[in-house]
N, C-alpha and C. Protein backbone atom coordinates (compact mmCIF):
# COMPACT_ATOMS: atom_id res chain seq x y z
N MET A 1 -14.14 39.91 -18.89
CA MET A 1 -13.00 39.16 -18.42
C MET A 1 -11.89 39.31 -19.46
N SER A 2 -10.68 39.65 -18.99
CA SER A 2 -9.56 39.84 -19.90
C SER A 2 -9.09 38.50 -20.46
N SER A 3 -8.41 38.57 -21.60
CA SER A 3 -7.93 37.33 -22.21
C SER A 3 -6.85 36.68 -21.35
N ASP A 4 -6.03 37.48 -20.63
CA ASP A 4 -5.03 36.92 -19.72
C ASP A 4 -5.71 36.12 -18.61
N HIS A 5 -6.79 36.66 -18.09
CA HIS A 5 -7.53 35.98 -17.03
C HIS A 5 -8.15 34.69 -17.56
N GLN A 6 -8.69 34.74 -18.77
CA GLN A 6 -9.28 33.55 -19.38
C GLN A 6 -8.24 32.46 -19.58
N VAL A 7 -7.05 32.85 -20.03
CA VAL A 7 -5.96 31.89 -20.23
C VAL A 7 -5.58 31.26 -18.89
N ARG A 8 -5.51 32.10 -17.87
CA ARG A 8 -5.17 31.61 -16.53
C ARG A 8 -6.21 30.62 -16.02
N VAL A 9 -7.48 30.95 -16.20
CA VAL A 9 -8.57 30.07 -15.77
C VAL A 9 -8.50 28.74 -16.52
N LEU A 10 -8.30 28.79 -17.82
CA LEU A 10 -8.20 27.56 -18.61
C LEU A 10 -7.01 26.71 -18.18
N ARG A 11 -5.86 27.35 -17.95
CA ARG A 11 -4.67 26.62 -17.51
C ARG A 11 -4.94 25.94 -16.17
N PHE A 12 -5.55 26.69 -15.25
CA PHE A 12 -5.83 26.13 -13.94
C PHE A 12 -6.80 24.95 -14.05
N GLU A 13 -7.84 25.10 -14.85
CA GLU A 13 -8.81 24.02 -15.02
C GLU A 13 -8.14 22.77 -15.59
N GLN A 14 -7.24 22.95 -16.56
CA GLN A 14 -6.56 21.80 -17.16
C GLN A 14 -5.67 21.10 -16.14
N LEU A 15 -4.99 21.87 -15.30
CA LEU A 15 -4.06 21.29 -14.34
C LEU A 15 -4.77 20.75 -13.09
N ALA A 16 -5.72 21.50 -12.57
CA ALA A 16 -6.29 21.19 -11.26
C ALA A 16 -7.54 20.31 -11.30
N ALA A 17 -8.35 20.46 -12.33
CA ALA A 17 -9.62 19.72 -12.36
C ALA A 17 -9.43 18.21 -12.21
N PRO A 18 -8.44 17.60 -12.88
CA PRO A 18 -8.28 16.15 -12.71
C PRO A 18 -7.86 15.74 -11.29
N LEU A 19 -7.40 16.69 -10.50
CA LEU A 19 -6.91 16.39 -9.15
C LEU A 19 -7.89 16.79 -8.05
N GLU A 20 -9.03 17.31 -8.44
CA GLU A 20 -9.98 17.84 -7.46
C GLU A 20 -10.40 16.79 -6.43
N LYS A 21 -10.71 15.57 -6.87
CA LYS A 21 -11.10 14.50 -5.94
C LYS A 21 -9.97 14.15 -4.99
N GLN A 22 -8.75 14.05 -5.52
CA GLN A 22 -7.61 13.70 -4.67
C GLN A 22 -7.34 14.79 -3.63
N VAL A 23 -7.52 16.04 -4.02
CA VAL A 23 -7.36 17.13 -3.06
C VAL A 23 -8.40 16.99 -1.95
N TYR A 24 -9.65 16.70 -2.33
CA TYR A 24 -10.70 16.52 -1.33
C TYR A 24 -10.35 15.37 -0.39
N PHE A 25 -9.90 14.22 -0.94
CA PHE A 25 -9.58 13.08 -0.09
C PHE A 25 -8.37 13.35 0.79
N THR A 26 -7.43 14.13 0.30
CA THR A 26 -6.30 14.55 1.14
C THR A 26 -6.83 15.35 2.32
N CYS A 27 -7.71 16.28 2.04
CA CYS A 27 -8.29 17.10 3.11
C CYS A 27 -9.16 16.26 4.04
N LEU A 28 -9.91 15.31 3.50
CA LEU A 28 -10.74 14.44 4.34
C LEU A 28 -9.87 13.65 5.30
N ASN A 29 -8.77 13.11 4.81
CA ASN A 29 -7.89 12.34 5.68
C ASN A 29 -7.15 13.22 6.67
N MET A 30 -6.94 14.45 6.34
CA MET A 30 -6.29 15.37 7.29
C MET A 30 -7.29 15.86 8.34
N MET A 31 -8.51 16.16 7.93
CA MET A 31 -9.47 16.81 8.81
C MET A 31 -10.39 15.82 9.53
N GLY A 32 -10.68 14.69 8.91
CA GLY A 32 -11.47 13.67 9.58
C GLY A 32 -12.97 13.75 9.39
N ASN A 33 -13.47 14.79 8.71
CA ASN A 33 -14.91 14.84 8.45
C ASN A 33 -15.17 15.57 7.14
N HIS A 34 -16.32 15.29 6.56
CA HIS A 34 -16.64 15.78 5.22
C HIS A 34 -16.78 17.29 5.15
N GLU A 35 -17.43 17.89 6.13
CA GLU A 35 -17.68 19.33 6.08
C GLU A 35 -16.36 20.11 6.09
N ASP A 36 -15.48 19.77 7.03
CA ASP A 36 -14.19 20.46 7.10
C ASP A 36 -13.34 20.17 5.87
N ALA A 37 -13.44 18.93 5.36
CA ALA A 37 -12.68 18.57 4.16
C ALA A 37 -13.13 19.39 2.97
N GLU A 38 -14.43 19.56 2.83
CA GLU A 38 -14.95 20.37 1.72
C GLU A 38 -14.47 21.81 1.83
N ASP A 39 -14.53 22.38 3.03
CA ASP A 39 -14.07 23.75 3.24
C ASP A 39 -12.59 23.89 2.92
N CYS A 40 -11.79 22.96 3.42
CA CYS A 40 -10.34 23.04 3.20
C CYS A 40 -9.98 22.79 1.74
N ALA A 41 -10.67 21.86 1.09
CA ALA A 41 -10.40 21.59 -0.32
C ALA A 41 -10.73 22.82 -1.17
N GLN A 42 -11.84 23.45 -0.85
CA GLN A 42 -12.23 24.65 -1.57
C GLN A 42 -11.20 25.77 -1.36
N GLU A 43 -10.77 25.94 -0.13
CA GLU A 43 -9.75 26.96 0.17
C GLU A 43 -8.44 26.63 -0.53
N ALA A 44 -8.08 25.35 -0.57
CA ALA A 44 -6.84 24.93 -1.24
C ALA A 44 -6.90 25.25 -2.73
N MET A 45 -8.01 24.95 -3.36
CA MET A 45 -8.15 25.23 -4.79
C MET A 45 -8.11 26.74 -5.05
N LEU A 46 -8.72 27.50 -4.18
CA LEU A 46 -8.71 28.96 -4.32
C LEU A 46 -7.29 29.50 -4.17
N ARG A 47 -6.57 29.02 -3.16
CA ARG A 47 -5.18 29.45 -2.97
C ARG A 47 -4.31 29.04 -4.16
N ALA A 48 -4.53 27.85 -4.66
CA ALA A 48 -3.75 27.38 -5.80
C ALA A 48 -4.01 28.26 -7.03
N PHE A 49 -5.27 28.61 -7.24
CA PHE A 49 -5.59 29.48 -8.38
C PHE A 49 -4.91 30.84 -8.22
N ARG A 50 -4.99 31.39 -7.02
CA ARG A 50 -4.37 32.70 -6.77
C ARG A 50 -2.85 32.65 -6.94
N ARG A 51 -2.25 31.51 -6.62
CA ARG A 51 -0.80 31.37 -6.66
C ARG A 51 -0.30 30.64 -7.90
N LEU A 52 -1.17 30.45 -8.88
CA LEU A 52 -0.81 29.68 -10.06
C LEU A 52 0.48 30.18 -10.71
N ASP A 53 0.68 31.48 -10.72
CA ASP A 53 1.89 32.04 -11.33
C ASP A 53 3.15 31.65 -10.56
N SER A 54 3.01 31.24 -9.31
CA SER A 54 4.19 30.84 -8.54
C SER A 54 4.60 29.39 -8.79
N PHE A 55 3.76 28.63 -9.50
CA PHE A 55 4.12 27.25 -9.84
C PHE A 55 5.16 27.30 -10.96
N ARG A 56 6.35 26.83 -10.66
CA ARG A 56 7.47 26.91 -11.60
C ARG A 56 7.84 25.57 -12.23
N GLY A 57 7.16 24.53 -11.83
CA GLY A 57 7.45 23.23 -12.42
C GLY A 57 8.62 22.50 -11.79
N ALA A 58 9.09 22.95 -10.63
CA ALA A 58 10.18 22.27 -9.93
C ALA A 58 9.73 20.90 -9.43
N SER A 59 8.44 20.73 -9.25
CA SER A 59 7.86 19.45 -8.86
C SER A 59 6.65 19.22 -9.76
N LYS A 60 6.01 18.07 -9.60
CA LYS A 60 4.77 17.83 -10.33
C LYS A 60 3.71 18.82 -9.84
N PHE A 61 2.78 19.17 -10.71
CA PHE A 61 1.70 20.06 -10.30
C PHE A 61 0.92 19.43 -9.15
N SER A 62 0.71 18.11 -9.21
CA SER A 62 -0.06 17.44 -8.15
C SER A 62 0.65 17.58 -6.80
N THR A 63 1.97 17.47 -6.78
CA THR A 63 2.73 17.63 -5.54
C THR A 63 2.54 19.04 -4.99
N TRP A 64 2.64 20.02 -5.87
CA TRP A 64 2.46 21.42 -5.49
C TRP A 64 1.06 21.65 -4.92
N LEU A 65 0.04 21.07 -5.59
CA LEU A 65 -1.35 21.25 -5.16
C LEU A 65 -1.61 20.54 -3.83
N TYR A 66 -1.08 19.30 -3.66
CA TYR A 66 -1.24 18.59 -2.40
C TYR A 66 -0.58 19.37 -1.26
N ALA A 67 0.56 19.99 -1.55
CA ALA A 67 1.24 20.78 -0.52
C ALA A 67 0.35 21.91 -0.04
N ILE A 68 -0.30 22.58 -0.97
CA ILE A 68 -1.21 23.66 -0.59
C ILE A 68 -2.36 23.11 0.24
N ALA A 69 -2.93 21.98 -0.19
CA ALA A 69 -4.05 21.38 0.54
C ALA A 69 -3.64 20.99 1.96
N VAL A 70 -2.48 20.37 2.10
CA VAL A 70 -2.01 19.96 3.42
C VAL A 70 -1.77 21.18 4.30
N HIS A 71 -1.19 22.23 3.73
CA HIS A 71 -0.94 23.43 4.53
C HIS A 71 -2.24 24.13 4.95
N VAL A 72 -3.24 24.12 4.08
CA VAL A 72 -4.55 24.67 4.46
C VAL A 72 -5.10 23.89 5.65
N CYS A 73 -5.02 22.56 5.58
CA CYS A 73 -5.52 21.71 6.67
C CYS A 73 -4.72 21.93 7.95
N LEU A 74 -3.40 21.99 7.83
CA LEU A 74 -2.58 22.22 9.02
C LEU A 74 -2.89 23.56 9.65
N ASP A 75 -3.10 24.59 8.82
CA ASP A 75 -3.47 25.90 9.35
C ASP A 75 -4.78 25.81 10.13
N GLU A 76 -5.75 25.11 9.56
CA GLU A 76 -7.05 24.97 10.23
C GLU A 76 -6.91 24.18 11.53
N LEU A 77 -6.12 23.11 11.51
CA LEU A 77 -5.93 22.31 12.72
C LEU A 77 -5.20 23.11 13.80
N ARG A 78 -4.24 23.93 13.40
CA ARG A 78 -3.54 24.77 14.38
C ARG A 78 -4.48 25.76 15.03
N LYS A 79 -5.41 26.30 14.23
CA LYS A 79 -6.39 27.26 14.77
C LYS A 79 -7.24 26.60 15.86
N ARG A 80 -7.58 25.36 15.63
CA ARG A 80 -8.48 24.66 16.55
C ARG A 80 -7.77 24.10 17.77
N LYS A 81 -6.59 23.58 17.55
CA LYS A 81 -5.85 22.88 18.61
C LYS A 81 -6.77 21.89 19.31
N THR A 82 -7.51 21.14 18.51
CA THR A 82 -8.44 20.14 19.02
C THR A 82 -7.68 18.95 19.56
N THR A 83 -8.18 18.45 20.68
CA THR A 83 -7.65 17.18 21.17
C THR A 83 -8.70 16.12 20.85
N TYR A 84 -8.24 14.95 20.48
CA TYR A 84 -9.14 13.88 20.09
C TYR A 84 -9.19 12.83 21.17
N SER A 85 -10.35 12.30 21.38
CA SER A 85 -10.55 11.28 22.39
C SER A 85 -10.35 9.89 21.80
N LEU A 86 -9.66 9.06 22.54
CA LEU A 86 -9.52 7.67 22.11
C LEU A 86 -10.84 6.92 22.19
N GLU A 87 -11.80 7.48 22.89
CA GLU A 87 -13.11 6.84 23.00
C GLU A 87 -13.78 6.69 21.64
N LEU A 88 -13.45 7.58 20.69
CA LEU A 88 -14.02 7.47 19.35
C LEU A 88 -13.70 6.12 18.73
N LEU A 89 -12.54 5.57 19.05
CA LEU A 89 -12.14 4.30 18.48
C LEU A 89 -12.75 3.11 19.20
N ARG A 90 -13.35 3.34 20.33
CA ARG A 90 -13.88 2.25 21.14
C ARG A 90 -15.40 2.10 21.01
N GLU A 91 -15.99 2.89 20.13
CA GLU A 91 -17.43 2.77 19.93
C GLU A 91 -17.77 1.38 19.41
N SER A 92 -18.94 0.91 19.78
CA SER A 92 -19.33 -0.43 19.32
C SER A 92 -19.69 -0.40 17.85
N GLY A 93 -19.59 -1.56 17.22
CA GLY A 93 -19.87 -1.71 15.79
C GLY A 93 -21.34 -1.89 15.52
N TRP A 94 -21.62 -2.40 14.34
CA TRP A 94 -22.99 -2.58 13.87
C TRP A 94 -23.53 -3.94 14.30
N ASP A 95 -24.84 -4.03 14.51
CA ASP A 95 -25.49 -5.30 14.81
C ASP A 95 -26.30 -5.70 13.59
N VAL A 96 -25.89 -6.77 12.92
CA VAL A 96 -26.52 -7.18 11.68
C VAL A 96 -27.05 -8.60 11.83
N PRO A 97 -28.24 -8.86 11.35
CA PRO A 97 -28.79 -10.22 11.44
C PRO A 97 -27.91 -11.22 10.68
N ASP A 98 -27.87 -12.47 11.18
CA ASP A 98 -27.07 -13.51 10.56
C ASP A 98 -27.53 -13.84 9.15
N THR A 99 -28.73 -13.45 8.79
CA THR A 99 -29.26 -13.79 7.47
C THR A 99 -28.76 -12.85 6.38
N ALA A 100 -27.94 -11.86 6.73
CA ALA A 100 -27.48 -10.89 5.74
C ALA A 100 -25.95 -10.79 5.71
N PRO A 101 -25.25 -11.89 5.32
CA PRO A 101 -23.79 -11.85 5.36
C PRO A 101 -23.18 -10.81 4.42
N GLU A 102 -23.76 -10.61 3.23
CA GLU A 102 -23.20 -9.60 2.32
C GLU A 102 -23.36 -8.21 2.90
N LEU A 103 -24.52 -7.92 3.44
CA LEU A 103 -24.75 -6.63 4.07
C LEU A 103 -23.80 -6.45 5.25
N TYR A 104 -23.62 -7.52 6.00
CA TYR A 104 -22.70 -7.48 7.13
C TYR A 104 -21.29 -7.12 6.67
N GLU A 105 -20.82 -7.78 5.60
CA GLU A 105 -19.48 -7.51 5.09
C GLU A 105 -19.34 -6.07 4.62
N GLN A 106 -20.37 -5.55 3.96
CA GLN A 106 -20.35 -4.16 3.51
C GLN A 106 -20.28 -3.21 4.70
N MET A 107 -21.06 -3.51 5.71
CA MET A 107 -21.07 -2.66 6.89
C MET A 107 -19.75 -2.76 7.64
N GLU A 108 -19.17 -3.96 7.69
CA GLU A 108 -17.88 -4.14 8.36
C GLU A 108 -16.79 -3.36 7.62
N THR A 109 -16.82 -3.39 6.29
CA THR A 109 -15.86 -2.63 5.49
C THR A 109 -16.03 -1.14 5.75
N LYS A 110 -17.26 -0.68 5.78
CA LYS A 110 -17.53 0.73 6.05
C LYS A 110 -17.03 1.12 7.44
N GLU A 111 -17.27 0.24 8.41
CA GLU A 111 -16.83 0.50 9.78
C GLU A 111 -15.29 0.52 9.85
N ARG A 112 -14.64 -0.37 9.12
CA ARG A 112 -13.17 -0.37 9.09
C ARG A 112 -12.65 0.96 8.55
N ARG A 113 -13.27 1.42 7.48
CA ARG A 113 -12.84 2.70 6.89
C ARG A 113 -13.03 3.84 7.89
N ARG A 114 -14.16 3.83 8.58
CA ARG A 114 -14.42 4.88 9.57
C ARG A 114 -13.39 4.83 10.69
N LYS A 115 -13.10 3.62 11.16
CA LYS A 115 -12.10 3.46 12.22
C LYS A 115 -10.72 3.92 11.74
N LEU A 116 -10.40 3.63 10.49
CA LEU A 116 -9.11 4.08 9.94
C LEU A 116 -9.07 5.60 9.88
N ARG A 117 -10.15 6.22 9.40
CA ARG A 117 -10.19 7.70 9.36
C ARG A 117 -10.06 8.26 10.77
N ASP A 118 -10.76 7.64 11.73
CA ASP A 118 -10.66 8.10 13.12
C ASP A 118 -9.23 7.96 13.63
N ALA A 119 -8.59 6.83 13.31
CA ALA A 119 -7.21 6.61 13.76
C ALA A 119 -6.27 7.62 13.12
N ILE A 120 -6.47 7.91 11.85
CA ILE A 120 -5.64 8.92 11.18
C ILE A 120 -5.84 10.28 11.84
N SER A 121 -7.07 10.59 12.21
CA SER A 121 -7.34 11.90 12.83
C SER A 121 -6.70 12.03 14.20
N LEU A 122 -6.34 10.90 14.83
CA LEU A 122 -5.67 10.94 16.14
C LEU A 122 -4.19 11.24 16.01
N LEU A 123 -3.64 11.06 14.81
CA LEU A 123 -2.22 11.35 14.62
C LEU A 123 -1.97 12.85 14.76
N PRO A 124 -0.85 13.22 15.37
CA PRO A 124 -0.51 14.65 15.38
C PRO A 124 -0.36 15.14 13.95
N PRO A 125 -0.76 16.37 13.66
CA PRO A 125 -0.71 16.88 12.28
C PRO A 125 0.65 16.73 11.60
N GLU A 126 1.73 16.86 12.36
CA GLU A 126 3.06 16.75 11.74
C GLU A 126 3.37 15.33 11.27
N PHE A 127 2.66 14.32 11.80
CA PHE A 127 2.80 12.95 11.31
C PHE A 127 1.70 12.62 10.29
N ARG A 128 0.53 13.19 10.50
CA ARG A 128 -0.60 12.93 9.62
C ARG A 128 -0.31 13.42 8.19
N ALA A 129 0.25 14.61 8.06
CA ALA A 129 0.48 15.19 6.73
C ALA A 129 1.37 14.30 5.85
N PRO A 130 2.56 13.89 6.31
CA PRO A 130 3.37 13.04 5.43
C PRO A 130 2.73 11.66 5.21
N GLN A 131 2.04 11.13 6.22
CA GLN A 131 1.41 9.82 6.07
C GLN A 131 0.31 9.88 5.02
N VAL A 132 -0.50 10.92 5.03
CA VAL A 132 -1.57 11.07 4.03
C VAL A 132 -0.97 11.19 2.63
N LEU A 133 0.07 12.02 2.50
CA LEU A 133 0.65 12.22 1.17
C LEU A 133 1.30 10.94 0.63
N VAL A 134 2.03 10.21 1.48
CA VAL A 134 2.75 9.02 1.02
C VAL A 134 1.81 7.82 0.89
N ASP A 135 1.08 7.50 1.95
CA ASP A 135 0.30 6.27 1.96
C ASP A 135 -1.05 6.38 1.26
N LEU A 136 -1.67 7.54 1.31
CA LEU A 136 -3.01 7.66 0.73
C LEU A 136 -3.01 8.33 -0.63
N GLN A 137 -2.10 9.27 -0.85
CA GLN A 137 -2.05 9.94 -2.15
C GLN A 137 -1.00 9.34 -3.08
N GLY A 138 -0.15 8.48 -2.54
CA GLY A 138 0.81 7.78 -3.39
C GLY A 138 2.03 8.58 -3.81
N LEU A 139 2.29 9.69 -3.12
CA LEU A 139 3.49 10.45 -3.44
C LEU A 139 4.72 9.69 -2.95
N SER A 140 5.83 9.88 -3.63
CA SER A 140 7.08 9.30 -3.16
C SER A 140 7.50 10.08 -1.92
N TYR A 141 8.44 9.52 -1.16
CA TYR A 141 8.95 10.24 -0.01
C TYR A 141 9.55 11.58 -0.45
N GLN A 142 10.26 11.56 -1.56
CA GLN A 142 10.89 12.79 -2.07
C GLN A 142 9.84 13.84 -2.42
N GLU A 143 8.76 13.41 -3.09
CA GLU A 143 7.70 14.35 -3.45
C GLU A 143 7.02 14.90 -2.19
N ALA A 144 6.79 14.05 -1.21
CA ALA A 144 6.18 14.50 0.05
C ALA A 144 7.11 15.48 0.76
N ALA A 145 8.40 15.19 0.74
CA ALA A 145 9.36 16.11 1.37
C ALA A 145 9.32 17.46 0.68
N GLN A 146 9.25 17.46 -0.65
CA GLN A 146 9.14 18.72 -1.39
C GLN A 146 7.86 19.44 -1.02
N ALA A 147 6.76 18.71 -1.01
CA ALA A 147 5.45 19.32 -0.73
C ALA A 147 5.40 19.95 0.66
N LEU A 148 6.05 19.31 1.62
CA LEU A 148 5.99 19.78 3.00
C LEU A 148 7.16 20.68 3.38
N GLY A 149 8.14 20.77 2.49
CA GLY A 149 9.32 21.59 2.79
C GLY A 149 10.14 21.02 3.93
N LEU A 150 10.23 19.69 3.99
CA LEU A 150 10.96 19.01 5.05
C LEU A 150 12.08 18.17 4.45
N PRO A 151 13.11 17.88 5.24
CA PRO A 151 14.15 16.97 4.75
C PRO A 151 13.57 15.58 4.51
N LEU A 152 14.15 14.86 3.57
CA LEU A 152 13.69 13.53 3.20
C LEU A 152 13.67 12.59 4.41
N GLY A 153 14.73 12.60 5.21
CA GLY A 153 14.80 11.73 6.39
C GLY A 153 13.70 12.01 7.39
N THR A 154 13.33 13.27 7.54
CA THR A 154 12.25 13.64 8.46
C THR A 154 10.93 13.06 7.98
N VAL A 155 10.68 13.14 6.68
CA VAL A 155 9.44 12.59 6.12
C VAL A 155 9.40 11.09 6.31
N LYS A 156 10.50 10.40 6.02
CA LYS A 156 10.54 8.95 6.19
C LYS A 156 10.29 8.57 7.65
N SER A 157 10.91 9.29 8.55
CA SER A 157 10.74 9.01 9.98
C SER A 157 9.30 9.24 10.42
N ARG A 158 8.71 10.35 9.98
CA ARG A 158 7.35 10.66 10.39
C ARG A 158 6.34 9.67 9.81
N VAL A 159 6.55 9.25 8.57
CA VAL A 159 5.65 8.25 7.98
C VAL A 159 5.77 6.94 8.75
N SER A 160 6.98 6.56 9.08
CA SER A 160 7.20 5.32 9.84
C SER A 160 6.52 5.40 11.20
N ARG A 161 6.71 6.50 11.89
CA ARG A 161 6.09 6.65 13.22
C ARG A 161 4.57 6.70 13.11
N ALA A 162 4.05 7.34 12.06
CA ALA A 162 2.60 7.39 11.85
C ALA A 162 2.05 5.99 11.61
N ARG A 163 2.76 5.21 10.79
CA ARG A 163 2.32 3.83 10.52
C ARG A 163 2.31 3.01 11.80
N GLN A 164 3.34 3.16 12.62
CA GLN A 164 3.39 2.41 13.88
C GLN A 164 2.23 2.80 14.79
N ALA A 165 1.95 4.09 14.88
CA ALA A 165 0.85 4.56 15.73
C ALA A 165 -0.49 4.05 15.20
N LEU A 166 -0.67 4.10 13.87
CA LEU A 166 -1.91 3.59 13.28
C LEU A 166 -2.07 2.10 13.54
N MET A 167 -0.99 1.35 13.36
CA MET A 167 -1.07 -0.09 13.58
C MET A 167 -1.45 -0.40 15.03
N LYS A 168 -0.83 0.30 15.96
CA LYS A 168 -1.15 0.06 17.36
C LYS A 168 -2.62 0.39 17.64
N THR A 169 -3.08 1.54 17.17
CA THR A 169 -4.46 1.95 17.40
C THR A 169 -5.44 0.96 16.78
N LEU A 170 -5.15 0.54 15.55
CA LEU A 170 -6.07 -0.36 14.86
C LEU A 170 -6.04 -1.77 15.43
N LEU A 171 -4.87 -2.25 15.86
CA LEU A 171 -4.80 -3.58 16.46
C LEU A 171 -5.45 -3.60 17.83
N ASP A 172 -5.47 -2.46 18.52
CA ASP A 172 -6.19 -2.39 19.79
C ASP A 172 -7.69 -2.57 19.56
N ASN A 173 -8.13 -2.30 18.36
CA ASN A 173 -9.51 -2.49 17.96
C ASN A 173 -9.60 -3.84 17.25
N GLY A 174 -9.24 -4.90 17.94
CA GLY A 174 -9.02 -6.22 17.37
C GLY A 174 -10.16 -6.83 16.61
N GLU A 175 -11.40 -6.48 16.91
CA GLU A 175 -12.51 -7.13 16.23
C GLU A 175 -12.49 -6.82 14.73
N LEU A 176 -12.17 -5.61 14.35
CA LEU A 176 -12.15 -5.24 12.95
C LEU A 176 -10.76 -5.35 12.32
N PHE A 177 -9.72 -5.23 13.13
CA PHE A 177 -8.36 -5.23 12.61
C PHE A 177 -7.49 -6.22 13.37
N GLY A 178 -8.07 -7.35 13.73
CA GLY A 178 -7.34 -8.32 14.53
C GLY A 178 -6.34 -9.11 13.75
N HIS A 179 -5.80 -10.08 14.42
CA HIS A 179 -4.78 -10.93 13.83
C HIS A 179 -5.38 -11.87 12.80
N GLU A 180 -4.53 -12.49 12.01
CA GLU A 180 -4.93 -13.41 10.95
C GLU A 180 -5.69 -14.62 11.48
N ASP A 181 -5.52 -14.93 12.77
CA ASP A 181 -6.13 -16.14 13.29
C ASP A 181 -7.64 -16.00 13.53
N ARG A 182 -8.20 -14.82 13.30
CA ARG A 182 -9.64 -14.64 13.45
C ARG A 182 -10.34 -15.34 12.30
N LEU A 183 -11.32 -16.12 12.61
CA LEU A 183 -12.07 -16.82 11.57
C LEU A 183 -12.96 -15.83 10.83
N ASN A 184 -13.06 -15.98 9.52
CA ASN A 184 -13.85 -15.07 8.71
C ASN A 184 -15.31 -15.01 9.14
N ASP A 185 -15.86 -16.16 9.51
CA ASP A 185 -17.28 -16.21 9.81
C ASP A 185 -17.57 -16.34 11.30
N GLU A 186 -16.63 -16.01 12.15
CA GLU A 186 -16.82 -16.31 13.56
C GLU A 186 -18.03 -15.60 14.18
N ARG A 187 -18.37 -14.40 13.67
CA ARG A 187 -19.51 -13.70 14.26
C ARG A 187 -20.83 -14.12 13.63
N ARG A 188 -20.76 -14.86 12.56
CA ARG A 188 -21.99 -15.30 11.90
C ARG A 188 -22.42 -16.68 12.40
N GLY A 189 -21.60 -17.29 13.25
CA GLY A 189 -21.97 -18.57 13.81
C GLY A 189 -21.83 -19.73 12.83
N ASN A 190 -21.09 -19.57 11.75
CA ASN A 190 -20.91 -20.63 10.75
C ASN A 190 -19.79 -21.55 11.12
């Protein structure tokens, strides 16, 4: 291995290794399942390594890397042109005995997360990408606009529309994401 290659590998490891989990979670939220997320995250890291010389520092390295991850996911989603069924959000929840309130709460939290991932996967990719970058990865609107190569106003609009769609989908699933007036223990009979 040449010393130039070794330097490149070390630079990439220093920059990308701390972001590996976030890249995976970006891909998970874009793709909706672990297997596809792993494949896309791996492809994103490979593309980033190959294109490392093109990173000029105009944005944060994390923004540049998330952009690559989102584009890998969008490419994969375009290949599939999968349509998602709303029935996924209407599946029944878990049945837990009343004697296990802590277990019930853990399962309810897990179910909420699954429903949220499902709801995110129902968003069109052009809304999902900015929403994942802004709301889940914590990028500013400006950073997301840079990462996606879109005008700032477009990113703000798409994030807003994605949030509205998510809220509607999740509120339709009122048992887990209902209004504040739901009693905490109503299903436990307390």
